[in-house]
Amino acid sequence: MSQLKIWGGATSRTVRAHWMCHELGLEYEPILIGSRTGETQSETFRALNPKEKIPVLVDGDLILSESTAIVTYLGDTYGADTGLVPAPYTRERALYNQWNSFVQMELDAHTLYVLRKHRDLTDLYGSAPAAVETAIAGFNKQVAVAEMALRDRDHLVGHQFTGADILLSTTLSWAIDYGFELSPRLIAYNNLHRARPAFRSAAKLNFSISAGA
């Protein structure tokens, strides 16, 4: 059995980890538990991640959470010659880090996840119409920055597909599911990367279970 395991499925965040494994052709054990199904509150899972969040990567004695960290670690460790993650200490790596931080914070945590909390999960987090309205406006403002960067290219960093494109594409798909009307340029960018065989196989696996409440 492979020493690599990925815990988590059914969400835009978990598919990132699966997608990178499929891009790298890695053998791993998928443990497809969903969020808010009770499985992330189990004693076994809490021993791996007391935050009770997915995805989690287990590689031997290394336990790693946070999708961006997982994508980057996999590329660094198992794909040094693939270019999926730029080499450390390079200009490209700095840009890669910048875009990952931008997607994770401006398009995910500060906007889409606010909608999830205060529109989808009001029983847990409460209704906050002003926060929802601000999050929608914030997403539209910030996603325009990504559109500007991609106006004459298909990748965020250089001329090659990288983990940063995994982060952005999965986030754009999340936004589409939430009813955002993206520009034709961003839709074309997203469709291009979702057509990759690695995404198709990873998504089929990841979304084979329900996300939970």
C-alpha atoms as a PDB file:
ATOM      1  CA  MET A   1       0.000   0.000   0.000  1.00  0.00           C
ATOM      2  CA  SER A   2       1.268   3.465  -0.849  1.00  0.00           C
ATOM      3  CA  GLN A   3       2.673   5.585   1.929  1.00  0.00           C
ATOM      4  CA  LEU A   4       0.779   8.539   0.429  1.00  0.00           C
ATOM      5  CA  LYS A   5      -2.770   9.132   1.613  1.00  0.00           C
ATOM      6  CA  ILE A   6      -5.138  11.992   0.932  1.00  0.00           C
ATOM      7  CA  TRP A   7      -8.020  12.459   3.322  1.00  0.00           C
ATOM      8  CA  GLY A   8     -10.992  14.341   1.983  1.00  0.00           C
ATOM      9  CA  GLY A   9     -13.266  14.647  -1.007  1.00  0.00           C
ATOM     10  CA  ALA A  10     -16.268  16.405  -2.537  1.00  0.00           C
ATOM     11  CA  THR A  11     -15.018  19.995  -2.255  1.00  0.00           C
ATOM     12  CA  SER A  12     -13.124  22.441  -4.441  1.00  0.00           C
ATOM     13  CA  ARG A  13     -10.352  22.505  -1.879  1.00  0.00           C
ATOM     14  CA  THR A  14      -9.909  18.741  -1.686  1.00  0.00           C
ATOM     15  CA  VAL A  15      -9.837  18.262  -5.454  1.00  0.00           C
ATOM     16  CA  ARG A  16      -6.672  20.369  -5.556  1.00  0.00           C
ATOM     17  CA  ALA A  17      -4.688  17.717  -3.706  1.00  0.00           C
ATOM     18  CA  HIS A  18      -6.066  14.888  -5.828  1.00  0.00           C
ATOM     19  CA  TRP A  19      -5.442  16.861  -9.014  1.00  0.00           C
ATOM     20  CA  MET A  20      -1.757  17.355  -8.243  1.00  0.00           C
ATOM     21  CA  CYS A  21      -1.316  13.660  -7.469  1.00  0.00           C
ATOM     22  CA  HIS A  22      -2.910  12.799 -10.799  1.00  0.00           C
ATOM     23  CA  GLU A  23      -0.740  15.324 -12.654  1.00  0.00           C
ATOM     24  CA  LEU A  24       2.322  13.657 -11.127  1.00  0.00           C
ATOM     25  CA  GLY A  25       1.076  10.132 -11.753  1.00  0.00           C
ATOM     26  CA  LEU A  26       1.459   9.249  -8.086  1.00  0.00           C
ATOM     27  CA  GLU A  27       0.009   6.169  -6.479  1.00  0.00           C
ATOM     28  CA  TYR A  28      -1.805   7.097  -3.294  1.00  0.00           C
ATOM     29  CA  GLU A  29      -4.666   6.010  -1.094  1.00  0.00           C
ATOM     30  CA  PRO A  30      -7.698   8.318  -1.266  1.00  0.00           C
ATOM     31  CA  ILE A  31      -9.747   8.383   1.925  1.00  0.00           C
ATOM     32  CA  LEU A  32     -12.831  10.202   0.713  1.00  0.00           C
ATOM     33  CA  ILE A  33     -14.428  11.644   3.793  1.00  0.00           C
ATOM     34  CA  GLY A  34     -16.622  14.710   3.426  1.00  0.00           C
ATOM     35  CA  SER A  35     -16.720  17.917   5.402  1.00  0.00           C
ATOM     36  CA  ARG A  36     -19.434  18.391   8.013  1.00  0.00           C
ATOM     37  CA  THR A  37     -20.465  14.739   7.823  1.00  0.00           C
ATOM     38  CA  GLY A  38     -19.132  13.890  11.273  1.00  0.00           C
ATOM     39  CA  GLU A  39     -16.135  12.087   9.813  1.00  0.00           C
ATOM     40  CA  THR A  40     -13.782  15.021  10.346  1.00  0.00           C
ATOM     41  CA  GLN A  41     -14.773  15.013  14.025  1.00  0.00           C
ATOM     42  CA  SER A  42     -13.732  11.388  14.535  1.00  0.00           C
ATOM     43  CA  GLU A  43     -10.930  10.604  16.952  1.00  0.00           C
ATOM     44  CA  THR A  44      -8.861   9.156  14.124  1.00  0.00           C
ATOM     45  CA  PHE A  45      -9.117  12.250  11.956  1.00  0.00           C
ATOM     46  CA  ARG A  46      -8.682  14.723  14.787  1.00  0.00           C
ATOM     47  CA  ALA A  47      -5.381  13.014  15.589  1.00  0.00           C
ATOM     48  CA  LEU A  48      -4.270  13.988  12.081  1.00  0.00           C
ATOM     49  CA  ASN A  49      -5.790  17.460  11.983  1.00  0.00           C
ATOM     50  CA  PRO A  50      -7.303  18.981  15.119  1.00  0.00           C
ATOM     51  CA  LYS A  51      -8.668  21.784  12.912  1.00  0.00           C
ATOM     52  CA  GLU A  52     -11.184  19.196  11.610  1.00  0.00           C
ATOM     53  CA  LYS A  53     -10.629  20.384   8.044  1.00  0.00           C
ATOM     54  CA  ILE A  54      -9.916  18.609   4.790  1.00  0.00           C
ATOM     55  CA  PRO A  55      -7.812  17.926   2.779  1.00  0.00           C
ATOM     56  CA  VAL A  56      -5.001  16.294   4.725  1.00  0.00           C
ATOM     57  CA  LEU A  57      -1.980  14.628   3.153  1.00  0.00           C
ATOM     58  CA  VAL A  58      -0.154  11.829   4.942  1.00  0.00           C
ATOM     59  CA  ASP A  59       3.253  10.958   3.514  1.00  0.00           C
ATOM     60  CA  GLY A  60       4.943   8.487   5.821  1.00  0.00           C
ATOM     61  CA  ASP A  61       5.383  10.340   9.092  1.00  0.00           C
ATOM     62  CA  LEU A  62       4.550  13.732   7.561  1.00  0.00           C
ATOM     63  CA  ILE A  63       1.038  15.057   8.115  1.00  0.00           C
ATOM     64  CA  LEU A  64       0.212  18.143   6.082  1.00  0.00           C
ATOM     65  CA  SER A  65      -2.981  20.188   5.902  1.00  0.00           C
ATOM     66  CA  GLU A  66      -4.017  23.206   3.785  1.00  0.00           C
ATOM     67  CA  SER A  67      -4.543  22.587   0.085  1.00  0.00           C
ATOM     68  CA  THR A  68      -1.959  25.104  -1.118  1.00  0.00           C
ATOM     69  CA  ALA A  69       0.734  23.599   1.078  1.00  0.00           C
ATOM     70  CA  ILE A  70      -0.172  20.095  -0.100  1.00  0.00           C
ATOM     71  CA  VAL A  71      -0.061  21.014  -3.797  1.00  0.00           C
ATOM     72  CA  THR A  72       3.298  22.713  -3.369  1.00  0.00           C
ATOM     73  CA  TYR A  73       4.817  19.923  -1.283  1.00  0.00           C
ATOM     74  CA  LEU A  74       3.783  17.273  -3.794  1.00  0.00           C
ATOM     75  CA  GLY A  75       5.296  19.232  -6.659  1.00  0.00           C
ATOM     76  CA  ASP A  76       8.522  19.949  -4.796  1.00  0.00           C
ATOM     77  CA  THR A  77       8.926  16.389  -3.539  1.00  0.00           C
ATOM     78  CA  TYR A  78       7.732  14.259  -6.429  1.00  0.00           C
ATOM     79  CA  GLY A  79       7.836  16.537  -9.464  1.00  0.00           C
ATOM     80  CA  ALA A  80      11.020  18.569  -9.314  1.00  0.00           C
ATOM     81  CA  ASP A  81      11.610  18.101 -13.059  1.00  0.00           C
ATOM     82  CA  THR A  82       8.022  18.665 -14.149  1.00  0.00           C
ATOM     83  CA  GLY A  83       7.762  22.416 -13.628  1.00  0.00           C
ATOM     84  CA  LEU A  84       4.414  21.955 -11.878  1.00  0.00           C
ATOM     85  CA  VAL A  85       5.928  23.894  -8.995  1.00  0.00           C
ATOM     86  CA  PRO A  86       8.741  26.312  -9.886  1.00  0.00           C
ATOM     87  CA  ALA A  87      12.133  25.718  -8.327  1.00  0.00           C
ATOM     88  CA  PRO A  88      12.825  27.449  -4.983  1.00  0.00           C
ATOM     89  CA  TYR A  89      14.729  30.742  -4.946  1.00  0.00           C
ATOM     90  CA  THR A  90      13.641  31.691  -8.453  1.00  0.00           C
ATOM     91  CA  ARG A  91      11.611  34.583  -9.800  1.00  0.00           C
ATOM     92  CA  GLU A  92       9.010  32.094 -10.979  1.00  0.00           C
ATOM     93  CA  ARG A  93       8.703  30.635  -7.472  1.00  0.00           C
ATOM     94  CA  ALA A  94       8.104  34.100  -6.054  1.00  0.00           C
ATOM     95  CA  LEU A  95       5.322  34.682  -8.571  1.00  0.00           C
ATOM     96  CA  TYR A  96       3.901  31.229  -7.850  1.00  0.00           C
ATOM     97  CA  ASN A  97       3.793  32.035  -4.129  1.00  0.00           C
ATOM     98  CA  GLN A  98       2.181  35.398  -4.846  1.00  0.00           C
ATOM     99  CA  TRP A  99      -0.615  33.906  -6.939  1.00  0.00           C
ATOM    100  CA  ASN A 100      -1.292  31.087  -4.507  1.00  0.00           C
ATOM    101  CA  SER A 101      -1.591  33.574  -1.646  1.00  0.00           C
ATOM    102  CA  PHE A 102      -3.864  35.780  -3.743  1.00  0.00           C
ATOM    103  CA  VAL A 103      -6.206  32.937  -4.669  1.00  0.00           C
ATOM    104  CA  GLN A 104      -6.242  31.458  -1.188  1.00  0.00           C
ATOM    105  CA  MET A 105      -6.987  34.724   0.559  1.00  0.00           C
ATOM    106  CA  GLU A 106      -8.738  37.127  -1.827  1.00  0.00           C
ATOM    107  CA  LEU A 107     -10.814  34.646  -3.830  1.00  0.00           C
ATOM    108  CA  ASP A 108     -11.306  31.816  -1.347  1.00  0.00           C
ATOM    109  CA  ALA A 109     -11.138  32.673   2.349  1.00  0.00           C
ATOM    110  CA  HIS A 110     -12.222  36.331   2.252  1.00  0.00           C
ATOM    111  CA  THR A 111     -15.006  35.993  -0.290  1.00  0.00           C
ATOM    112  CA  LEU A 112     -16.296  32.568  -1.371  1.00  0.00           C
ATOM    113  CA  TYR A 113     -15.897  31.031   2.054  1.00  0.00           C
ATOM    114  CA  VAL A 114     -17.744  33.973   3.603  1.00  0.00           C
ATOM    115  CA  LEU A 115     -20.636  33.110   1.294  1.00  0.00           C
ATOM    116  CA  ARG A 116     -20.471  29.485   2.347  1.00  0.00           C
ATOM    117  CA  LYS A 117     -20.563  30.411   6.026  1.00  0.00           C
ATOM    118  CA  HIS A 118     -23.225  33.113   5.962  1.00  0.00           C
ATOM    119  CA  ARG A 119     -25.399  31.907   3.085  1.00  0.00           C
ATOM    120  CA  ASP A 120     -25.084  28.113   3.051  1.00  0.00           C
ATOM    121  CA  LEU A 121     -24.334  27.401   6.704  1.00  0.00           C
ATOM    122  CA  THR A 122     -26.434  29.998   8.496  1.00  0.00           C
ATOM    123  CA  ASP A 123     -27.493  27.427  11.076  1.00  0.00           C
ATOM    124  CA  LEU A 124     -23.877  27.301  12.242  1.00  0.00           C
ATOM    125  CA  TYR A 125     -22.551  30.795  11.548  1.00  0.00           C
ATOM    126  CA  GLY A 126     -25.648  32.971  11.404  1.00  0.00           C
ATOM    127  CA  SER A 127     -27.113  35.109   8.683  1.00  0.00           C
ATOM    128  CA  ALA A 128     -25.024  38.148   7.731  1.00  0.00           C
ATOM    129  CA  PRO A 129     -26.477  39.858   4.655  1.00  0.00           C
ATOM    130  CA  ALA A 130     -23.989  42.729   4.746  1.00  0.00           C
ATOM    131  CA  ALA A 131     -21.053  40.314   4.880  1.00  0.00           C
ATOM    132  CA  VAL A 132     -22.495  38.348   1.960  1.00  0.00           C
ATOM    133  CA  GLU A 133     -22.983  41.488  -0.122  1.00  0.00           C
ATOM    134  CA  THR A 134     -19.449  42.663   0.647  1.00  0.00           C
ATOM    135  CA  ALA A 135     -18.009  39.244  -0.190  1.00  0.00           C
ATOM    136  CA  ILE A 136     -19.734  39.197  -3.577  1.00  0.00           C
ATOM    137  CA  ALA A 137     -18.404  42.650  -4.416  1.00  0.00           C
ATOM    138  CA  GLY A 138     -14.959  41.702  -3.155  1.00  0.00           C
ATOM    139  CA  PHE A 139     -14.792  38.585  -5.281  1.00  0.00           C
ATOM    140  CA  ASN A 140     -15.839  40.453  -8.417  1.00  0.00           C
ATOM    141  CA  LYS A 141     -13.211  43.113  -7.786  1.00  0.00           C
ATOM    142  CA  GLN A 142     -10.374  40.697  -7.108  1.00  0.00           C
ATOM    143  CA  VAL A 143     -11.155  38.164  -9.826  1.00  0.00           C
ATOM    144  CA  ALA A 144     -10.751  41.024 -12.310  1.00  0.00           C
ATOM    145  CA  VAL A 145      -7.083  41.136 -11.250  1.00  0.00           C
ATOM    146  CA  ALA A 146      -6.662  37.521 -12.331  1.00  0.00           C
ATOM    147  CA  GLU A 147      -8.463  38.238 -15.591  1.00  0.00           C
ATOM    148  CA  MET A 148      -6.092  41.118 -16.316  1.00  0.00           C
ATOM    149  CA  ALA A 149      -3.062  38.889 -15.709  1.00  0.00           C
ATOM    150  CA  LEU A 150      -4.470  36.244 -18.059  1.00  0.00           C
ATOM    151  CA  ARG A 151      -5.588  38.532 -20.856  1.00  0.00           C
ATOM    152  CA  ASP A 152      -2.842  37.328 -23.217  1.00  0.00           C
ATOM    153  CA  ARG A 153      -1.732  34.013 -21.680  1.00  0.00           C
ATOM    154  CA  ASP A 154      -3.111  30.750 -20.367  1.00  0.00           C
ATOM    155  CA  HIS A 155      -1.035  30.320 -17.212  1.00  0.00           C
ATOM    156  CA  LEU A 156      -0.452  32.386 -14.108  1.00  0.00           C
ATOM    157  CA  VAL A 157       3.295  31.731 -13.970  1.00  0.00           C
ATOM    158  CA  GLY A 158       5.375  31.801 -17.126  1.00  0.00           C
ATOM    159  CA  HIS A 159       4.237  29.644 -20.014  1.00  0.00           C
ATOM    160  CA  GLN A 160       3.561  26.418 -18.171  1.00  0.00           C
ATOM    161  CA  PHE A 161       0.750  24.907 -16.150  1.00  0.00           C
ATOM    162  CA  THR A 162       1.579  24.990 -12.426  1.00  0.00           C
ATOM    163  CA  GLY A 163      -0.021  24.406  -9.065  1.00  0.00           C
ATOM    164  CA  ALA A 164      -1.112  28.045  -9.119  1.00  0.00           C
ATOM    165  CA  ASP A 165      -3.407  27.203 -12.029  1.00  0.00           C
ATOM    166  CA  ILE A 166      -4.812  24.328  -9.990  1.00  0.00           C
ATOM    167  CA  LEU A 167      -5.635  26.794  -7.216  1.00  0.00           C
ATOM    168  CA  LEU A 168      -7.246  29.352  -9.513  1.00  0.00           C
ATOM    169  CA  SER A 169      -9.167  26.903 -11.689  1.00  0.00           C
ATOM    170  CA  THR A 170     -10.735  25.098  -8.736  1.00  0.00           C
ATOM    171  CA  THR A 171     -11.687  28.438  -7.229  1.00  0.00           C
ATOM    172  CA  LEU A 172     -13.256  29.677 -10.452  1.00  0.00           C
ATOM    173  CA  SER A 173     -15.277  26.459 -10.641  1.00  0.00           C
ATOM    174  CA  TRP A 174     -16.457  27.094  -7.090  1.00  0.00           C
ATOM    175  CA  ALA A 175     -17.485  30.619  -8.072  1.00  0.00           C
ATOM    176  CA  ILE A 176     -19.437  29.329 -11.069  1.00  0.00           C
ATOM    177  CA  ASP A 177     -21.246  26.886  -8.793  1.00  0.00           C
ATOM    178  CA  TYR A 178     -22.133  29.859  -6.594  1.00  0.00           C
ATOM    179  CA  GLY A 179     -23.691  31.728  -9.507  1.00  0.00           C
ATOM    180  CA  PHE A 180     -20.951  34.208 -10.358  1.00  0.00           C
ATOM    181  CA  GLU A 181     -20.898  35.336 -13.988  1.00  0.00           C
ATOM    182  CA  LEU A 182     -17.273  35.148 -15.000  1.00  0.00           C
ATOM    183  CA  SER A 183     -15.842  36.855 -18.043  1.00  0.00           C
ATOM    184  CA  PRO A 184     -15.429  34.889 -21.295  1.00  0.00           C
ATOM    185  CA  ARG A 185     -11.655  35.022 -20.788  1.00  0.00           C
ATOM    186  CA  LEU A 186     -11.823  33.408 -17.346  1.00  0.00           C
ATOM    187  CA  ILE A 187     -14.322  30.818 -18.542  1.00  0.00           C
ATOM    188  CA  ALA A 188     -12.002  29.899 -21.427  1.00  0.00           C
ATOM    189  CA  TYR A 189      -9.041  29.672 -19.039  1.00  0.00           C
ATOM    190  CA  ASN A 190     -10.994  27.461 -16.664  1.00  0.00           C
ATOM    191  CA  ASN A 191     -12.314  25.209 -19.416  1.00  0.00           C
ATOM    192  CA  LEU A 192      -8.815  24.773 -20.800  1.00  0.00           C
ATOM    193  CA  HIS A 193      -7.448  23.444 -17.536  1.00  0.00           C
ATOM    194  CA  ARG A 194     -10.515  21.408 -16.624  1.00  0.00           C
ATOM    195  CA  ALA A 195      -9.989  19.553 -19.908  1.00  0.00           C
ATOM    196  CA  ARG A 196      -6.675  18.170 -18.656  1.00  0.00           C
ATOM    197  CA  PRO A 197      -6.851  14.382 -18.200  1.00  0.00           C
ATOM    198  CA  ALA A 198      -5.435  14.680 -14.677  1.00  0.00           C
ATOM    199  CA  PHE A 199      -8.221  17.031 -13.655  1.00  0.00           C
ATOM    200  CA  ARG A 200     -10.901  14.801 -15.159  1.00  0.00           C
ATOM    201  CA  SER A 201      -9.711  11.700 -13.321  1.00  0.00           C
ATOM    202  CA  ALA A 202      -9.127  13.572 -10.071  1.00  0.00           C
ATOM    203  CA  ALA A 203     -12.533  15.269 -10.192  1.00  0.00           C
ATOM    204  CA  LYS A 204     -14.316  12.000 -10.926  1.00  0.00           C
ATOM    205  CA  LEU A 205     -12.745  10.549  -7.780  1.00  0.00           C
ATOM    206  CA  ASN A 206     -13.076  13.637  -5.602  1.00  0.00           C
ATOM    207  CA  PHE A 207     -16.723  14.334  -6.401  1.00  0.00           C
ATOM    208  CA  SER A 208     -17.829  10.703  -6.133  1.00  0.00           C
ATOM    209  CA  ILE A 209     -19.083  11.455  -2.610  1.00  0.00           C
ATOM    210  CA  SER A 210     -21.399  14.073  -1.147  1.00  0.00           C
ATOM    211  CA  ALA A 211     -19.850  17.171   0.418  1.00  0.00           C
ATOM    212  CA  GLY A 212     -22.095  17.028   3.459  1.00  0.00           C
ATOM    213  CA  ALA A 213     -24.037  19.878   4.980  1.00  0.00           C
END
